[in-house]
PDB file of N, CA and C in Angstrom:
ATOM      1  N   MET A   1     -50.453 -47.145-170.486  1.00  0.00           N
ATOM      2  CA  MET A   1     -50.803 -47.317-169.519  1.00  0.00           C
ATOM      3  C   MET A   1     -50.490 -48.688-169.599  1.00  0.00           C
ATOM      4  N   SER A   2     -49.547 -49.523-168.228  1.00  0.00           N
ATOM      5  CA  SER A   2     -49.371 -51.138-168.802  1.00  0.00           C
ATOM      6  C   SER A   2     -50.255 -51.734-167.656  1.00  0.00           C
ATOM      7  N   GLN A   3     -50.246 -53.213-168.044  1.00  0.00           N
ATOM      8  CA  GLN A   3     -50.576 -53.911-167.041  1.00  0.00           C
ATOM      9  C   GLN A   3     -49.387 -55.245-166.663  1.00  0.00           C
ATOM     10  N   TYR A   4     -49.959 -55.374-164.968  1.00  0.00           N
ATOM     11  CA  TYR A   4     -48.470 -55.608-163.850  1.00  0.00           C
ATOM     12  C   TYR A   4     -49.071 -56.684-163.561  1.00  0.00           C
ATOM     13  N   ALA A   5     -48.723 -58.292-163.591  1.00  0.00           N
ATOM     14  CA  ALA A   5     -49.235 -59.282-162.671  1.00  0.00           C
ATOM     15  C   ALA A   5     -49.012 -58.745-161.000  1.00  0.00           C
ATOM     16  N   VAL A   6     -50.505 -58.671-160.354  1.00  0.00           N
ATOM     17  CA  VAL A   6     -50.278 -58.852-158.687  1.00  0.00           C
ATOM     18  C   VAL A   6     -50.918 -60.247-158.122  1.00  0.00           C
ATOM     19  N   VAL A   7     -50.058 -60.604-157.075  1.00  0.00           N
ATOM     20  CA  VAL A   7     -49.982 -61.606-156.167  1.00  0.00           C
ATOM     21  C   VAL A   7     -50.637 -61.339-155.241  1.00  0.00           C
ATOM     22  N   ILE A   8     -51.625 -61.841-155.474  1.00  0.00           N
ATOM     23  CA  ILE A   8     -52.634 -61.474-153.434  1.00  0.00           C
ATOM     24  C   ILE A   8     -52.792 -62.945-152.801  1.00  0.00           C
ATOM     25  N   GLU A   9     -52.705 -62.905-151.625  1.00  0.00           N
ATOM     26  CA  GLU A   9     -52.365 -63.768-151.053  1.00  0.00           C
ATOM     27  C   GLU A   9     -53.246 -63.721-149.812  1.00  0.00           C
ATOM     28  N   ASP A  10     -53.764 -64.314-149.452  1.00  0.00           N
ATOM     29  CA  ASP A  10     -54.505 -64.697-147.821  1.00  0.00           C
ATOM     30  C   ASP A  10     -53.746 -64.833-146.633  1.00  0.00           C
ATOM     31  N   ALA A  11     -53.514 -63.449-145.983  1.00  0.00           N
ATOM     32  CA  ALA A  11     -52.622 -63.338-144.899  1.00  0.00           C
ATOM     33  C   ALA A  11     -53.345 -63.548-143.155  1.00  0.00           C
ATOM     34  N   GLY A  12     -54.135 -64.329-143.272  1.00  0.00           N
ATOM     35  CA  GLY A  12     -55.376 -64.596-142.192  1.00  0.00           C
ATOM     36  C   GLY A  12     -56.190 -63.358-141.863  1.00  0.00           C
ATOM     37  N   PRO A  13     -55.707 -62.904-140.974  1.00  0.00           N
ATOM     38  CA  PRO A  13     -56.939 -61.419-140.661  1.00  0.00           C
ATOM     39  C   PRO A  13     -57.417 -60.618-141.754  1.00  0.00           C
ATOM     40  N   ASN A  14     -56.089 -60.439-142.974  1.00  0.00           N
ATOM     41  CA  ASN A  14     -56.386 -59.721-144.156  1.00  0.00           C
ATOM     42  C   ASN A  14     -55.508 -60.550-145.572  1.00  0.00           C
ATOM     43  N   PHE A  15     -55.046 -59.857-146.523  1.00  0.00           N
ATOM     44  CA  PHE A  15     -54.480 -59.890-147.554  1.00  0.00           C
ATOM     45  C   PHE A  15     -53.214 -58.612-147.935  1.00  0.00           C
ATOM     46  N   SER A  16     -52.352 -59.722-148.443  1.00  0.00           N
ATOM     47  CA  SER A  16     -51.283 -59.066-148.702  1.00  0.00           C
ATOM     48  C   SER A  16     -50.819 -59.164-150.280  1.00  0.00           C
ATOM     49  N   ALA A  17     -50.460 -57.626-151.100  1.00  0.00           N
ATOM     50  CA  ALA A  17     -50.246 -58.088-152.857  1.00  0.00           C
ATOM     51  C   ALA A  17     -49.015 -57.566-152.606  1.00  0.00           C
ATOM     52  N   TYR A  18     -47.956 -58.547-153.699  1.00  0.00           N
ATOM     53  CA  TYR A  18     -47.151 -57.668-154.443  1.00  0.00           C
ATOM     54  C   TYR A  18     -47.398 -58.111-156.149  1.00  0.00           C
ATOM     55  N   VAL A  19     -45.953 -57.511-156.493  1.00  0.00           N
ATOM     56  CA  VAL A  19     -46.002 -57.287-157.802  1.00  0.00           C
ATOM     57  C   VAL A  19     -44.603 -57.624-158.258  1.00  0.00           C
ATOM     58  N   PRO A  20     -44.711 -58.635-159.011  1.00  0.00           N
ATOM     59  CA  PRO A  20     -43.330 -59.686-159.271  1.00  0.00           C
ATOM     60  C   PRO A  20     -42.169 -58.959-159.665  1.00  0.00           C
ATOM     61  N   ASP A  21     -42.745 -58.339-160.957  1.00  0.00           N
ATOM     62  CA  ASP A  21     -41.966 -57.079-161.810  1.00  0.00           C
ATOM     63  C   ASP A  21     -41.775 -56.038-161.694  1.00  0.00           C
ATOM     64  N   LEU A  22     -42.134 -55.424-160.071  1.00  0.00           N
ATOM     65  CA  LEU A  22     -41.719 -54.244-159.406  1.00  0.00           C
ATOM     66  C   LEU A  22     -41.106 -54.968-158.107  1.00  0.00           C
ATOM     67  N   PRO A  23     -39.949 -54.888-157.908  1.00  0.00           N
ATOM     68  CA  PRO A  23     -39.625 -55.394-156.582  1.00  0.00           C
ATOM     69  C   PRO A  23     -39.653 -54.433-155.605  1.00  0.00           C
ATOM     70  N   GLY A  24     -40.323 -54.810-154.416  1.00  0.00           N
ATOM     71  CA  GLY A  24     -40.333 -53.969-153.172  1.00  0.00           C
ATOM     72  C   GLY A  24     -41.763 -53.434-153.484  1.00  0.00           C
ATOM     73  N   CYS A  25     -42.284 -53.730-154.377  1.00  0.00           N
ATOM     74  CA  CYS A  25     -44.032 -52.757-154.046  1.00  0.00           C
ATOM     75  C   CYS A  25     -44.905 -53.492-153.577  1.00  0.00           C
ATOM     76  N   VAL A  26     -45.510 -53.466-152.054  1.00  0.00           N
ATOM     77  CA  VAL A  26     -46.203 -54.322-151.772  1.00  0.00           C
ATOM     78  C   VAL A  26     -47.486 -53.729-150.787  1.00  0.00           C
ATOM     79  N   SER A  27     -48.492 -54.290-150.583  1.00  0.00           N
ATOM     80  CA  SER A  27     -49.255 -53.682-150.108  1.00  0.00           C
ATOM     81  C   SER A  27     -50.432 -54.348-149.269  1.00  0.00           C
ATOM     82  N   ALA A  28     -51.414 -54.023-148.111  1.00  0.00           N
ATOM     83  CA  ALA A  28     -52.069 -54.645-147.750  1.00  0.00           C
ATOM     84  C   ALA A  28     -53.801 -54.386-147.299  1.00  0.00           C
ATOM     85  N   GLY A  29     -54.535 -55.586-147.139  1.00  0.00           N
ATOM     86  CA  GLY A  29     -55.453 -54.830-147.218  1.00  0.00           C
ATOM     87  C   GLY A  29     -56.683 -55.556-145.813  1.00  0.00           C
ATOM     88  N   TYR A  30     -57.681 -55.123-145.806  1.00  0.00           N
ATOM     89  CA  TYR A  30     -58.944 -56.379-144.945  1.00  0.00           C
ATOM     90  C   TYR A  30     -59.676 -57.082-145.441  1.00  0.00           C
ATOM     91  N   THR A  31     -59.761 -56.269-146.849  1.00  0.00           N
ATOM     92  CA  THR A  31     -60.738 -57.016-147.912  1.00  0.00           C
ATOM     93  C   THR A  31     -60.057 -57.151-149.429  1.00  0.00           C
ATOM     94  N   LEU A  32     -60.263 -58.019-150.676  1.00  0.00           N
ATOM     95  CA  LEU A  32     -60.075 -58.319-151.603  1.00  0.00           C
ATOM     96  C   LEU A  32     -59.994 -57.004-152.307  1.00  0.00           C
ATOM     97  N   GLU A  33     -61.293 -55.748-152.158  1.00  0.00           N
ATOM     98  CA  GLU A  33     -61.393 -54.657-152.574  1.00  0.00           C
ATOM     99  C   GLU A  33     -60.495 -53.348-152.007  1.00  0.00           C
ATOM    100  N   GLU A  34     -60.410 -53.769-150.981  1.00  0.00           N
ATOM    101  CA  GLU A  34     -59.117 -52.887-149.983  1.00  0.00           C
ATOM    102  C   GLU A  34     -57.511 -53.500-150.693  1.00  0.00           C
ATOM    103  N   VAL A  35     -57.479 -54.290-150.454  1.00  0.00           N
ATOM    104  CA  VAL A  35     -56.191 -54.745-151.153  1.00  0.00           C
ATOM    105  C   VAL A  35     -55.683 -54.394-152.703  1.00  0.00           C
ATOM    106  N   THR A  36     -56.626 -54.439-153.252  1.00  0.00           N
ATOM    107  CA  THR A  36     -56.812 -54.178-154.971  1.00  0.00           C
ATOM    108  C   THR A  36     -56.495 -52.459-154.782  1.00  0.00           C
ATOM    109  N   ALA A  37     -57.276 -51.759-154.315  1.00  0.00           N
ATOM    110  CA  ALA A  37     -57.037 -50.389-154.178  1.00  0.00           C
ATOM    111  C   ALA A  37     -55.895 -50.377-153.997  1.00  0.00           C
ATOM    112  N   ASN A  38     -55.685 -50.573-152.451  1.00  0.00           N
ATOM    113  CA  ASN A  38     -54.150 -49.964-152.395  1.00  0.00           C
ATOM    114  C   ASN A  38     -53.015 -50.523-153.122  1.00  0.00           C
ATOM    115  N   ILE A  39     -52.812 -51.655-153.524  1.00  0.00           N
ATOM    116  CA  ILE A  39     -51.578 -52.062-154.474  1.00  0.00           C
ATOM    117  C   ILE A  39     -51.618 -51.140-155.643  1.00  0.00           C
ATOM    118  N   ARG A  40     -52.655 -50.795-156.450  1.00  0.00           N
ATOM    119  CA  ARG A  40     -52.888 -49.789-157.376  1.00  0.00           C
ATOM    120  C   ARG A  40     -52.038 -48.470-156.925  1.00  0.00           C
ATOM    121  N   VAL A  41     -52.868 -47.876-155.680  1.00  0.00           N
ATOM    122  CA  VAL A  41     -52.058 -46.844-155.359  1.00  0.00           C
ATOM    123  C   VAL A  41     -50.510 -47.172-154.931  1.00  0.00           C
ATOM    124  N   ALA A  42     -50.215 -48.212-154.479  1.00  0.00           N
ATOM    125  CA  ALA A  42     -48.842 -48.464-154.410  1.00  0.00           C
ATOM    126  C   ALA A  42     -48.144 -48.600-155.468  1.00  0.00           C
ATOM    127  N   MET A  43     -48.354 -49.229-156.956  1.00  0.00           N
ATOM    128  CA  MET A  43     -48.117 -49.486-158.216  1.00  0.00           C
ATOM    129  C   MET A  43     -47.812 -47.921-158.416  1.00  0.00           C
ATOM    130  N   THR A  44     -48.641 -47.111-158.427  1.00  0.00           N
ATOM    131  CA  THR A  44     -48.275 -45.549-159.199  1.00  0.00           C
ATOM    132  C   THR A  44     -47.682 -44.964-158.596  1.00  0.00           C
ATOM    133  N   ILE A  45     -47.432 -45.102-156.999  1.00  0.00           N
ATOM    134  CA  ILE A  45     -46.163 -44.283-156.122  1.00  0.00           C
ATOM    135  C   ILE A  45     -45.134 -45.025-156.769  1.00  0.00           C
ATOM    136  N   HIS A  46     -45.110 -46.040-156.853  1.00  0.00           N
ATOM    137  CA  HIS A  46     -43.456 -46.725-156.998  1.00  0.00           C
ATOM    138  C   HIS A  46     -43.110 -46.496-158.158  1.00  0.00           C
ATOM    139  N   ILE A  47     -44.227 -46.596-159.457  1.00  0.00           N
ATOM    140  CA  ILE A  47     -43.643 -46.370-160.731  1.00  0.00           C
ATOM    141  C   ILE A  47     -42.882 -44.682-160.434  1.00  0.00           C
ATOM    142  N   ALA A  48     -43.570 -43.827-160.132  1.00  0.00           N
ATOM    143  CA  ALA A  48     -43.578 -42.136-160.098  1.00  0.00           C
ATOM    144  C   ALA A  48     -41.841 -42.913-159.170  1.00  0.00           C
ATOM    145  N   ALA A  49     -41.652 -43.366-158.423  1.00  0.00           N
ATOM    146  CA  ALA A  49     -40.572 -42.766-157.563  1.00  0.00           C
ATOM    147  C   ALA A  49     -39.806 -43.023-158.757  1.00  0.00           C
ATOM    148  N   LEU A  50     -39.810 -44.551-158.904  1.00  0.00           N
ATOM    149  CA  LEU A  50     -38.432 -45.130-159.970  1.00  0.00           C
ATOM    150  C   LEU A  50     -38.308 -43.731-161.115  1.00  0.00           C
ATOM    151  N   ILE A  51     -39.274 -42.879-161.964  1.00  0.00           N
ATOM    152  CA  ILE A  51     -39.081 -41.846-162.753  1.00  0.00           C
ATOM    153  C   ILE A  51     -38.241 -40.663-162.032  1.00  0.00           C
ATOM    154  N   GLU A  52     -38.810 -40.229-161.273  1.00  0.00           N
ATOM    155  CA  GLU A  52     -38.028 -39.523-160.026  1.00  0.00           C
ATOM    156  C   GLU A  52     -36.730 -39.414-159.999  1.00  0.00           C
ATOM    157  N   PHE A  53     -36.357 -40.820-159.804  1.00  0.00           N
ATOM    158  CA  PHE A  53     -35.158 -41.034-158.899  1.00  0.00           C
ATOM    159  C   PHE A  53     -34.153 -41.543-160.804  1.00  0.00           C
ATOM    160  N   GLY A  54     -34.663 -41.362-162.037  1.00  0.00           N
ATOM    161  CA  GLY A  54     -34.029 -41.869-162.629  1.00  0.00           C
ATOM    162  C   GLY A  54     -33.932 -43.226-162.769  1.00  0.00           C
ATOM    163  N   GLU A  55     -34.353 -44.020-162.269  1.00  0.00           N
ATOM    164  CA  GLU A  55     -34.622 -45.048-162.300  1.00  0.00           C
ATOM    165  C   GLU A  55     -35.120 -46.010-163.711  1.00  0.00           C
ATOM    166  N   GLU A  56     -34.690 -46.995-164.463  1.00  0.00           N
ATOM    167  CA  GLU A  56     -35.974 -47.860-165.286  1.00  0.00           C
ATOM    168  C   GLU A  56     -37.062 -48.267-164.693  1.00  0.00           C
ATOM    169  N   VAL A  57     -38.237 -47.690-165.507  1.00  0.00           N
ATOM    170  CA  VAL A  57     -39.610 -48.738-164.988  1.00  0.00           C
ATOM    171  C   VAL A  57     -39.090 -49.961-165.591  1.00  0.00           C
ATOM    172  N   PRO A  58     -39.589 -51.091-164.641  1.00  0.00           N
ATOM    173  CA  PRO A  58     -39.550 -52.283-165.766  1.00  0.00           C
ATOM    174  C   PRO A  58     -40.719 -52.872-166.547  1.00  0.00           C
ATOM    175  N   GLN A  59     -40.438 -53.111-167.236  1.00  0.00           N
ATOM    176  CA  GLN A  59     -41.731 -53.853-167.975  1.00  0.00           C
ATOM    177  C   GLN A  59     -42.294 -54.955-167.561  1.00  0.00           C
ATOM    178  N   PRO A  60     -43.346 -54.908-167.804  1.00  0.00           N
ATOM    179  CA  PRO A  60     -44.515 -56.075-167.375  1.00  0.00           C
ATOM    180  C   PRO A  60     -43.733 -57.399-168.000  1.00  0.00           C
ATOM    181  N   SER A  61     -43.612 -58.448-167.552  1.00  0.00           N
ATOM    182  CA  SER A  61     -43.301 -59.483-168.043  1.00  0.00           C
ATOM    183  C   SER A  61     -43.553 -61.043-167.738  1.00  0.00           C
ATOM    184  N   SER A  62     -44.136 -60.354-166.353  1.00  0.00           N
ATOM    185  CA  SER A  62     -44.914 -62.133-165.421  1.00  0.00           C
ATOM    186  C   SER A  62     -46.189 -61.990-165.958  1.00  0.00           C
ATOM    187  N   GLN A  63     -46.111 -63.716-166.085  1.00  0.00           N
ATOM    188  CA  GLN A  63     -47.850 -63.916-166.318  1.00  0.00           C
ATOM    189  C   GLN A  63     -48.206 -64.961-165.546  1.00  0.00           C
ATOM    190  N   VAL A  64     -49.734 -64.505-165.370  1.00  0.00           N
ATOM    191  CA  VAL A  64     -50.350 -65.642-164.313  1.00  0.00           C
ATOM    192  C   VAL A  64     -50.698 -66.698-165.040  1.00  0.00           C
ATOM    193  N   LEU A  65     -51.011 -68.397-164.198  1.00  0.00           N
ATOM    194  CA  LEU A  65     -51.594 -69.195-164.925  1.00  0.00           C
ATOM    195  C   LEU A  65     -52.305 -69.507-164.350  1.00  0.00           C
ATOM    196  N   LEU A  66     -53.464 -69.719-163.975  1.00  0.00           N
ATOM    197  CA  LEU A  66     -53.817 -71.155-162.601  1.00  0.00           C
ATOM    198  C   LEU A  66     -54.598 -72.170-163.512  1.00  0.00           C
ATOM    199  N   VAL A  67     -53.788 -73.000-162.810  1.00  0.00           N
ATOM    200  CA  VAL A  67     -53.561 -74.490-162.963  1.00  0.00           C
ATOM    201  C   VAL A  67     -54.685 -75.370-162.320  1.00  0.00           C
ATOM    202  N   ASP A  68     -55.545 -76.017-163.078  1.00  0.00           N
ATOM    203  CA  ASP A  68     -56.404 -77.371-162.041  1.00  0.00           C
ATOM    204  C   ASP A  68     -55.403 -78.352-162.093  1.00  0.00           C
ATOM    205  N   VAL A  69     -55.395 -78.860-160.593  1.00  0.00           N
ATOM    206  CA  VAL A  69     -54.914 -80.187-160.130  1.00  0.00           C
ATOM    207  C   VAL A  69     -55.883 -80.914-159.494  1.00  0.00           C
ATOM    208  N   ALA A  70     -56.471 -82.394-159.583  1.00  0.00           N
ATOM    209  CA  ALA A  70     -56.654 -83.443-158.821  1.00  0.00           C
ATOM    210  C   ALA A  70     -55.986 -83.468-157.394  1.00  0.00           C
ATOM    211  N   SER A  71     -57.213 -82.902-156.311  1.00  0.00           N
ATOM    212  CA  SER A  71     -56.898 -83.231-155.130  1.00  0.00           C
ATOM    213  C   SER A  71     -57.399 -84.328-154.303  1.00  0.00           C
TER     214      SER A  71
END
C-alpha cells in the first residue's frame, strides 16, 4: 500500500481533487467526504490501468506542507 498526496480544491458548488504523482488522476464530489471517496476509487482504477497496460506506476514523491502566513 502506498500513500499519495491528494490536492482538494473548493470548486464552487463542489470539490475537485487530483493526485500530483498520478497525472490525469482526478475526481470531484459535492462534499469533502464524497470527493475523498471518489478520488480513492479513481486512484485504484488509475493504478490498475497502468499495471494492465504495462506502464510504470509512479512512486509517491509529492509532499504537502501547510504554511502559516500573516494576512
